[in-house]
Amino acid sequence: TLPFTVGKFLITPLTRSATAGRFVASLSIRRGTGSQTHDRIYTFKPEFTNQDSALTYAAAQGRYWLLNPASLA
């Protein structure tokens, strides 16, 4: 899953390795440019058996956030 831009936001799904070969989904929400850049990273609780599933979950959370920004507050 690739980063995608909506308005002034750059949404980037991320993953990292967890224990026992599992993966954790994360999401970067960035806005601004240069010294005015603000980036929030959210890490989600569920662990996944493969990296693709974790990326898909993170991308879905990013799309949901666009509809309801208070969802990750």
C-alpha atoms as a PDB file:
ATOM      1  CA  THR A   1       0.000   0.000   0.000  1.00  0.00           C
ATOM      2  CA  LEU A   2       1.467   3.316  -1.073  1.00  0.00           C
ATOM      3  CA  PRO A   3       1.204   6.704   0.642  1.00  0.00           C
ATOM      4  CA  PHE A   4      -1.697   8.808  -0.569  1.00  0.00           C
ATOM      5  CA  THR A   5      -2.449  12.514  -0.418  1.00  0.00           C
ATOM      6  CA  VAL A   6      -5.836  13.995   0.392  1.00  0.00           C
ATOM      7  CA  GLY A   7      -5.989  17.779   0.566  1.00  0.00           C
ATOM      8  CA  LYS A   8      -3.175  18.955   2.831  1.00  0.00           C
ATOM      9  CA  PHE A   9      -2.557  15.507   4.372  1.00  0.00           C
ATOM     10  CA  LEU A  10      -0.092  12.786   3.376  1.00  0.00           C
ATOM     11  CA  ILE A  11      -1.314   9.427   4.704  1.00  0.00           C
ATOM     12  CA  THR A  12       1.370   6.718   4.903  1.00  0.00           C
ATOM     13  CA  PRO A  13       0.572   3.166   6.047  1.00  0.00           C
ATOM     14  CA  LEU A  14       3.537   1.544   7.810  1.00  0.00           C
ATOM     15  CA  THR A  15       4.402  -1.767   9.443  1.00  0.00           C
ATOM     16  CA  ARG A  16       7.023  -3.045  11.817  1.00  0.00           C
ATOM     17  CA  SER A  17       8.009  -6.491  12.985  1.00  0.00           C
ATOM     18  CA  ALA A  18       6.607  -7.763  16.253  1.00  0.00           C
ATOM     19  CA  THR A  19       7.373 -10.918  18.188  1.00  0.00           C
ATOM     20  CA  ALA A  20       7.110 -14.408  16.690  1.00  0.00           C
ATOM     21  CA  GLY A  21       7.147 -13.210  13.069  1.00  0.00           C
ATOM     22  CA  ARG A  22       4.026 -11.091  13.386  1.00  0.00           C
ATOM     23  CA  PHE A  23       3.523  -7.512  12.192  1.00  0.00           C
ATOM     24  CA  VAL A  24       2.097  -4.345  13.739  1.00  0.00           C
ATOM     25  CA  ALA A  25       0.267  -1.724  11.662  1.00  0.00           C
ATOM     26  CA  SER A  26       1.076   1.975  12.004  1.00  0.00           C
ATOM     27  CA  LEU A  27      -0.127   5.095  10.268  1.00  0.00           C
ATOM     28  CA  SER A  28       1.649   8.390   9.597  1.00  0.00           C
ATOM     29  CA  ILE A  29      -0.515  11.471   9.038  1.00  0.00           C
ATOM     30  CA  ARG A  30       1.599  14.403   7.879  1.00  0.00           C
ATOM     31  CA  ARG A  31       0.654  17.949   6.981  1.00  0.00           C
ATOM     32  CA  GLY A  32       2.628  21.061   6.145  1.00  0.00           C
ATOM     33  CA  THR A  33       5.989  21.584   4.509  1.00  0.00           C
ATOM     34  CA  GLY A  34       9.494  22.507   5.583  1.00  0.00           C
ATOM     35  CA  SER A  35       9.824  23.711   9.168  1.00  0.00           C
ATOM     36  CA  GLN A  36       6.030  23.761   9.474  1.00  0.00           C
ATOM     37  CA  THR A  37       5.653  19.978   8.987  1.00  0.00           C
ATOM     38  CA  HIS A  38       3.582  18.148  11.585  1.00  0.00           C
ATOM     39  CA  ASP A  39       3.590  14.336  11.603  1.00  0.00           C
ATOM     40  CA  ARG A  40       1.556  12.054  13.848  1.00  0.00           C
ATOM     41  CA  ILE A  41       2.253   8.347  14.053  1.00  0.00           C
ATOM     42  CA  TYR A  42      -0.459   5.986  15.265  1.00  0.00           C
ATOM     43  CA  THR A  43       0.273   2.362  16.136  1.00  0.00           C
ATOM     44  CA  PHE A  44      -2.595  -0.096  16.271  1.00  0.00           C
ATOM     45  CA  LYS A  45      -3.146  -2.915  18.729  1.00  0.00           C
ATOM     46  CA  PRO A  46      -3.897  -5.940  16.519  1.00  0.00           C
ATOM     47  CA  GLU A  47      -0.957  -7.978  15.264  1.00  0.00           C
ATOM     48  CA  PHE A  48      -1.006  -9.595  11.833  1.00  0.00           C
ATOM     49  CA  THR A  49       0.511 -12.754  10.409  1.00  0.00           C
ATOM     50  CA  ASN A  50       1.840 -10.994   7.302  1.00  0.00           C
ATOM     51  CA  GLN A  51       3.006  -7.555   6.318  1.00  0.00           C
ATOM     52  CA  ASP A  52       0.401  -7.066   3.572  1.00  0.00           C
ATOM     53  CA  SER A  53      -2.473  -7.523   6.030  1.00  0.00           C
ATOM     54  CA  ALA A  54      -0.925  -4.986   8.402  1.00  0.00           C
ATOM     55  CA  LEU A  55      -0.476  -2.439   5.589  1.00  0.00           C
ATOM     56  CA  THR A  56      -4.051  -2.953   4.389  1.00  0.00           C
ATOM     57  CA  TYR A  57      -5.350  -2.410   7.917  1.00  0.00           C
ATOM     58  CA  ALA A  58      -3.269   0.774   8.347  1.00  0.00           C
ATOM     59  CA  ALA A  59      -4.491   2.141   4.991  1.00  0.00           C
ATOM     60  CA  ALA A  60      -8.109   1.419   5.953  1.00  0.00           C
ATOM     61  CA  GLN A  61      -7.612   3.249   9.262  1.00  0.00           C
ATOM     62  CA  GLY A  62      -6.197   6.225   7.320  1.00  0.00           C
ATOM     63  CA  ARG A  63      -9.245   6.325   5.064  1.00  0.00           C
ATOM     64  CA  TYR A  64     -11.536   6.070   8.086  1.00  0.00           C
ATOM     65  CA  TRP A  65      -9.645   8.936   9.763  1.00  0.00           C
ATOM     66  CA  LEU A  66     -10.313  11.121   6.702  1.00  0.00           C
ATOM     67  CA  LEU A  67     -14.052  10.558   7.203  1.00  0.00           C
ATOM     68  CA  ASN A  68     -13.926  10.953  10.992  1.00  0.00           C
ATOM     69  CA  PRO A  69     -10.775  12.752  12.289  1.00  0.00           C
ATOM     70  CA  ALA A  70     -11.906  12.324  15.902  1.00  0.00           C
ATOM     71  CA  SER A  71     -11.593   8.545  15.512  1.00  0.00           C
ATOM     72  CA  LEU A  72      -7.855   8.638  16.326  1.00  0.00           C
ATOM     73  CA  ALA A  73      -8.045  11.312  19.009  1.00  0.00           C
END
